[in-house]
């Protein structure tokens, strides 16, 4: 499975989109995580021989299934990290914007 387009960059872009939507008071619509779906368990078992597989084939099938789950979990963690970083970037931009406005007001008043 290829999760290259569903990691940190996709999470950051989605996080920035969510923040922009919230700042513009637009209604938020749910967008699913842009990752390829896992194969169904039936299809995965059939790829290894179905019900007639040997114990060694079943062990390889199970190991491969858990490897795919682990890979998907790591990609989702990177996606969430990207969303979290987008939120921090927006907070940082707001803090900098308020600091600049405050500095300008301070220089005008003084």
N, C-alpha and C. Protein backbone atom coordinates (compact mmCIF):
# COMPACT_ATOMS: atom_id res chain seq x y z
N UNK A 1 0.85 -1.18 0.00
CA UNK A 1 0.00 0.00 0.00
C UNK A 1 0.89 1.24 0.00
N UNK A 2 0.44 2.24 -0.67
CA UNK A 2 1.23 3.44 -0.82
C UNK A 2 0.56 4.60 -0.08
N UNK A 3 1.18 5.02 1.01
CA UNK A 3 0.63 6.11 1.82
C UNK A 3 1.43 7.39 1.66
N UNK A 4 2.15 7.56 0.55
CA UNK A 4 3.02 8.73 0.41
C UNK A 4 2.24 10.03 0.34
N UNK A 5 1.03 10.02 -0.22
CA UNK A 5 0.25 11.25 -0.35
C UNK A 5 -0.69 11.48 0.83
N UNK A 6 -0.60 10.67 1.86
CA UNK A 6 -1.55 10.79 2.96
C UNK A 6 -0.86 11.03 4.30
N UNK A 7 0.35 11.54 4.26
CA UNK A 7 1.11 11.74 5.48
C UNK A 7 1.08 13.16 5.99
N UNK A 8 2.25 13.66 6.34
CA UNK A 8 2.37 14.96 6.99
C UNK A 8 1.86 16.09 6.12
N UNK A 9 2.24 16.12 4.84
CA UNK A 9 1.84 17.23 3.96
C UNK A 9 0.33 17.28 3.79
N UNK A 10 -0.29 16.13 3.63
CA UNK A 10 -1.75 16.10 3.49
C UNK A 10 -2.42 16.55 4.78
N UNK A 11 -1.88 16.15 5.92
CA UNK A 11 -2.42 16.58 7.20
C UNK A 11 -2.26 18.07 7.42
N UNK A 12 -1.10 18.61 7.04
CA UNK A 12 -0.87 20.04 7.19
C UNK A 12 -1.83 20.84 6.31
N UNK A 13 -1.98 20.39 5.06
CA UNK A 13 -2.90 21.08 4.14
C UNK A 13 -4.34 21.02 4.66
N UNK A 14 -4.74 19.86 5.16
CA UNK A 14 -6.10 19.73 5.69
C UNK A 14 -6.27 20.59 6.95
N UNK A 15 -5.26 20.63 7.80
CA UNK A 15 -5.32 21.45 8.99
C UNK A 15 -5.43 22.93 8.67
N UNK A 16 -4.68 23.39 7.67
CA UNK A 16 -4.77 24.79 7.25
C UNK A 16 -6.15 25.09 6.67
N UNK A 17 -6.70 24.14 5.92
CA UNK A 17 -8.04 24.32 5.36
C UNK A 17 -9.08 24.41 6.47
N UNK A 18 -8.96 23.57 7.48
CA UNK A 18 -9.89 23.61 8.61
C UNK A 18 -9.79 24.93 9.35
N UNK A 19 -8.58 25.42 9.59
CA UNK A 19 -8.40 26.70 10.28
C UNK A 19 -8.97 27.85 9.46
N UNK A 20 -8.73 27.85 8.16
CA UNK A 20 -9.27 28.90 7.31
C UNK A 20 -10.79 28.86 7.29
N UNK A 21 -11.36 27.68 7.23
CA UNK A 21 -12.81 27.52 7.26
C UNK A 21 -13.38 28.07 8.56
N UNK A 22 -12.72 27.78 9.67
CA UNK A 22 -13.18 28.27 10.96
C UNK A 22 -13.06 29.79 11.07
N UNK A 23 -11.97 30.36 10.55
CA UNK A 23 -11.78 31.81 10.65
C UNK A 23 -12.77 32.57 9.76
N UNK A 24 -13.22 31.96 8.69
CA UNK A 24 -14.18 32.61 7.80
C UNK A 24 -15.63 32.29 8.16
N UNK A 25 -15.83 31.59 9.26
CA UNK A 25 -17.16 31.22 9.78
C UNK A 25 -17.98 30.45 8.74
N UNK A 26 -17.32 29.64 7.95
CA UNK A 26 -18.03 28.80 6.99
C UNK A 26 -18.39 27.48 7.66
N UNK A 27 -19.46 26.84 7.24
CA UNK A 27 -19.78 25.53 7.81
C UNK A 27 -18.71 24.51 7.41
N UNK A 28 -18.36 23.68 8.35
CA UNK A 28 -17.31 22.69 8.12
C UNK A 28 -17.94 21.42 7.58
N UNK A 29 -17.36 20.89 6.53
CA UNK A 29 -17.82 19.61 6.02
C UNK A 29 -16.72 18.57 6.21
N UNK A 30 -17.12 17.40 6.57
CA UNK A 30 -16.18 16.33 6.87
C UNK A 30 -15.53 15.81 5.59
N UNK A 31 -14.22 15.69 5.62
CA UNK A 31 -13.48 15.09 4.52
C UNK A 31 -12.70 13.92 5.08
N UNK A 32 -12.85 12.75 4.49
CA UNK A 32 -12.15 11.58 5.04
C UNK A 32 -10.64 11.67 4.82
N UNK A 33 -9.93 10.87 5.58
CA UNK A 33 -8.47 10.79 5.47
C UNK A 33 -8.14 10.28 4.06
N UNK A 34 -7.29 11.01 3.32
CA UNK A 34 -7.03 10.63 1.92
C UNK A 34 -6.04 9.49 1.80
N UNK A 35 -6.41 8.32 2.27
CA UNK A 35 -5.52 7.17 2.20
C UNK A 35 -6.21 6.04 1.45
N UNK A 36 -5.43 5.21 0.79
CA UNK A 36 -6.06 4.07 0.12
C UNK A 36 -6.64 3.12 1.15
N UNK A 37 -7.78 2.51 0.88
CA UNK A 37 -8.38 1.62 1.86
C UNK A 37 -7.60 0.31 1.97
N UNK A 38 -7.70 -0.29 3.13
CA UNK A 38 -7.11 -1.61 3.33
C UNK A 38 -7.91 -2.62 2.51
N UNK A 39 -7.27 -3.67 2.03
CA UNK A 39 -8.05 -4.71 1.35
C UNK A 39 -8.94 -5.42 2.36
N UNK A 40 -10.04 -5.94 1.91
CA UNK A 40 -10.90 -6.67 2.84
C UNK A 40 -10.16 -7.92 3.30
N UNK A 41 -10.52 -8.39 4.45
CA UNK A 41 -9.86 -9.58 5.01
C UNK A 41 -10.07 -10.77 4.09
N UNK A 42 -11.25 -10.88 3.50
CA UNK A 42 -11.54 -11.99 2.59
C UNK A 42 -10.60 -11.94 1.38
N UNK A 43 -10.44 -10.76 0.78
CA UNK A 43 -9.55 -10.63 -0.38
C UNK A 43 -8.11 -10.91 0.01
N UNK A 44 -7.71 -10.47 1.18
CA UNK A 44 -6.34 -10.70 1.63
C UNK A 44 -6.09 -12.19 1.85
N UNK A 45 -7.04 -12.87 2.46
CA UNK A 45 -6.89 -14.32 2.66
C UNK A 45 -6.89 -15.06 1.33
N UNK A 46 -7.72 -14.65 0.40
CA UNK A 46 -7.76 -15.30 -0.91
C UNK A 46 -6.44 -15.13 -1.66
N UNK A 47 -5.75 -14.01 -1.44
CA UNK A 47 -4.47 -13.79 -2.09
C UNK A 47 -3.41 -14.78 -1.62
N UNK A 48 -3.59 -15.32 -0.44
CA UNK A 48 -2.64 -16.29 0.12
C UNK A 48 -3.14 -17.72 0.01
N UNK A 49 -4.22 -17.96 -0.67
CA UNK A 49 -4.68 -19.32 -0.87
C UNK A 49 -6.02 -19.63 -0.24
N UNK A 50 -6.64 -18.71 0.42
CA UNK A 50 -7.97 -18.93 0.99
C UNK A 50 -7.97 -19.97 2.10
N UNK A 51 -8.97 -20.81 2.11
CA UNK A 51 -9.11 -21.79 3.21
C UNK A 51 -8.18 -22.98 3.05
N UNK A 52 -7.54 -23.13 1.89
CA UNK A 52 -6.65 -24.27 1.68
C UNK A 52 -5.19 -23.93 1.93
N UNK A 53 -4.90 -22.83 2.61
CA UNK A 53 -3.50 -22.45 2.83
C UNK A 53 -2.89 -23.28 3.95
N UNK A 54 -1.59 -23.41 3.86
CA UNK A 54 -0.85 -24.16 4.88
C UNK A 54 -0.61 -23.26 6.09
N UNK A 55 -0.21 -23.84 7.22
CA UNK A 55 0.10 -23.00 8.39
C UNK A 55 1.19 -21.97 8.12
N UNK A 56 2.17 -22.30 7.30
CA UNK A 56 3.23 -21.34 6.98
C UNK A 56 2.66 -20.19 6.14
N UNK A 57 1.77 -20.52 5.21
CA UNK A 57 1.13 -19.48 4.41
C UNK A 57 0.27 -18.58 5.28
N UNK A 58 -0.42 -19.18 6.24
CA UNK A 58 -1.25 -18.38 7.14
C UNK A 58 -0.39 -17.43 7.99
N UNK A 59 0.77 -17.94 8.45
CA UNK A 59 1.66 -17.08 9.23
C UNK A 59 2.16 -15.91 8.39
N UNK A 60 2.52 -16.17 7.12
CA UNK A 60 2.94 -15.08 6.23
C UNK A 60 1.79 -14.10 5.98
N UNK A 61 0.58 -14.65 5.82
CA UNK A 61 -0.60 -13.82 5.59
C UNK A 61 -0.86 -12.91 6.79
N UNK A 62 -0.78 -13.49 7.97
CA UNK A 62 -1.02 -12.72 9.20
C UNK A 62 0.06 -11.66 9.40
N UNK A 63 1.32 -12.02 9.16
CA UNK A 63 2.42 -11.07 9.30
C UNK A 63 2.25 -9.91 8.33
N UNK A 64 1.87 -10.22 7.10
CA UNK A 64 1.66 -9.17 6.10
C UNK A 64 0.50 -8.27 6.49
N UNK A 65 -0.58 -8.86 7.01
CA UNK A 65 -1.75 -8.07 7.43
C UNK A 65 -1.38 -7.10 8.55
N UNK A 66 -0.65 -7.59 9.55
CA UNK A 66 -0.24 -6.72 10.65
C UNK A 66 0.77 -5.66 10.20
N UNK A 67 1.61 -6.00 9.21
CA UNK A 67 2.53 -5.02 8.67
C UNK A 67 1.76 -3.89 7.98
N UNK A 68 0.72 -4.25 7.22
CA UNK A 68 -0.10 -3.23 6.56
C UNK A 68 -0.82 -2.36 7.59
N UNK A 69 -1.34 -2.98 8.65
CA UNK A 69 -2.00 -2.19 9.70
C UNK A 69 -1.03 -1.24 10.38
N UNK A 70 0.18 -1.72 10.65
CA UNK A 70 1.19 -0.88 11.29
C UNK A 70 1.60 0.28 10.37
N UNK A 71 1.75 -0.01 9.09
CA UNK A 71 2.10 1.03 8.11
C UNK A 71 0.99 2.08 8.04
N UNK A 72 -0.26 1.63 8.06
CA UNK A 72 -1.41 2.55 8.02
C UNK A 72 -1.45 3.40 9.29
N UNK A 73 -1.17 2.80 10.44
CA UNK A 73 -1.18 3.55 11.69
C UNK A 73 -0.09 4.61 11.72
N UNK A 74 1.10 4.29 11.22
CA UNK A 74 2.18 5.28 11.16
C UNK A 74 1.82 6.43 10.21
N UNK A 75 1.20 6.11 9.08
CA UNK A 75 0.80 7.16 8.13
C UNK A 75 -0.27 8.05 8.77
N UNK A 76 -1.20 7.46 9.51
CA UNK A 76 -2.24 8.25 10.16
C UNK A 76 -1.65 9.13 11.25
N UNK A 77 -0.65 8.61 11.98
CA UNK A 77 0.03 9.43 12.99
C UNK A 77 0.72 10.63 12.35
N UNK A 78 1.35 10.42 11.18
CA UNK A 78 1.98 11.55 10.47
C UNK A 78 0.93 12.54 10.00
N UNK A 79 -0.22 12.05 9.56
CA UNK A 79 -1.32 12.91 9.13
C UNK A 79 -1.80 13.78 10.30
N UNK A 80 -1.99 13.17 11.46
CA UNK A 80 -2.41 13.94 12.64
C UNK A 80 -1.34 14.93 13.08
N UNK A 81 -0.08 14.55 12.96
CA UNK A 81 1.02 15.47 13.28
C UNK A 81 0.98 16.68 12.36
N UNK A 82 0.71 16.46 11.08
CA UNK A 82 0.60 17.56 10.13
C UNK A 82 -0.55 18.49 10.49
N UNK A 83 -1.69 17.93 10.89
CA UNK A 83 -2.83 18.77 11.30
C UNK A 83 -2.48 19.57 12.55
N UNK A 84 -1.80 18.95 13.49
CA UNK A 84 -1.41 19.64 14.72
C UNK A 84 -0.43 20.77 14.41
N UNK A 85 0.53 20.53 13.53
CA UNK A 85 1.49 21.57 13.16
C UNK A 85 0.80 22.73 12.44
N UNK A 86 -0.21 22.44 11.64
CA UNK A 86 -0.96 23.51 10.97
C UNK A 86 -1.66 24.38 12.00
N UNK A 87 -2.23 23.76 13.01
CA UNK A 87 -2.90 24.53 14.07
C UNK A 87 -1.89 25.42 14.79
N UNK A 88 -0.72 24.88 15.10
CA UNK A 88 0.30 25.68 15.78
C UNK A 88 0.80 26.81 14.88
N UNK A 89 0.91 26.55 13.58
CA UNK A 89 1.35 27.59 12.65
C UNK A 89 0.34 28.73 12.60
N UNK A 90 -0.95 28.40 12.58
CA UNK A 90 -1.98 29.44 12.56
C UNK A 90 -1.96 30.22 13.87
N UNK A 91 -1.84 29.53 14.99
CA UNK A 91 -1.75 30.23 16.28
C UNK A 91 -0.53 31.16 16.30
N UNK A 92 0.59 30.67 15.79
CA UNK A 92 1.80 31.50 15.74
C UNK A 92 1.62 32.72 14.86
N UNK A 93 0.96 32.54 13.71
CA UNK A 93 0.71 33.69 12.83
C UNK A 93 -0.19 34.72 13.51
N UNK A 94 -1.20 34.26 14.25
CA UNK A 94 -2.07 35.20 14.96
C UNK A 94 -1.31 35.94 16.05
N UNK A 95 -0.45 35.24 16.77
CA UNK A 95 0.35 35.89 17.82
C UNK A 95 1.26 36.95 17.21
N UNK A 96 1.91 36.61 16.10
CA UNK A 96 2.79 37.57 15.44
C UNK A 96 1.99 38.76 14.91
N UNK A 97 0.81 38.50 14.35
CA UNK A 97 -0.03 39.60 13.83
C UNK A 97 -0.46 40.53 14.96
N UNK A 98 -0.89 39.97 16.09
CA UNK A 98 -1.28 40.81 17.23
C UNK A 98 -0.08 41.56 17.80
N UNK A 99 1.09 40.96 17.79
CA UNK A 99 2.29 41.64 18.28
C UNK A 99 2.64 42.82 17.37
N UNK A 100 2.54 42.62 16.07
CA UNK A 100 2.84 43.72 15.13
C UNK A 100 1.83 44.85 15.28
N UNK A 101 0.55 44.51 15.38
CA UNK A 101 -0.48 45.54 15.57
C UNK A 101 -0.26 46.26 16.90
N UNK A 102 0.04 45.52 17.94
CA UNK A 102 0.32 46.13 19.24
C UNK A 102 1.52 47.05 19.19
N UNK A 103 2.56 46.63 18.49
CA UNK A 103 3.74 47.48 18.35
C UNK A 103 3.42 48.75 17.57
N UNK A 104 2.64 48.62 16.50
CA UNK A 104 2.24 49.80 15.74
C UNK A 104 1.40 50.75 16.58
N UNK A 105 0.46 50.21 17.33
CA UNK A 105 -0.37 51.06 18.21
C UNK A 105 0.51 51.72 19.25
N UNK A 106 1.46 50.99 19.80
CA UNK A 106 2.35 51.54 20.83
C UNK A 106 3.18 52.69 20.26
N UNK A 107 3.69 52.54 19.04
CA UNK A 107 4.50 53.62 18.45
C UNK A 107 3.64 54.83 18.09
N UNK A 108 2.40 54.61 17.69
CA UNK A 108 1.51 55.73 17.36
C UNK A 108 1.12 56.47 18.64
N UNK A 109 0.83 55.76 19.70
CA UNK A 109 0.39 56.38 20.95
C UNK A 109 1.55 57.10 21.62
N UNK A 110 2.76 56.57 21.55
CA UNK A 110 3.90 57.16 22.26
C UNK A 110 4.40 58.41 21.60
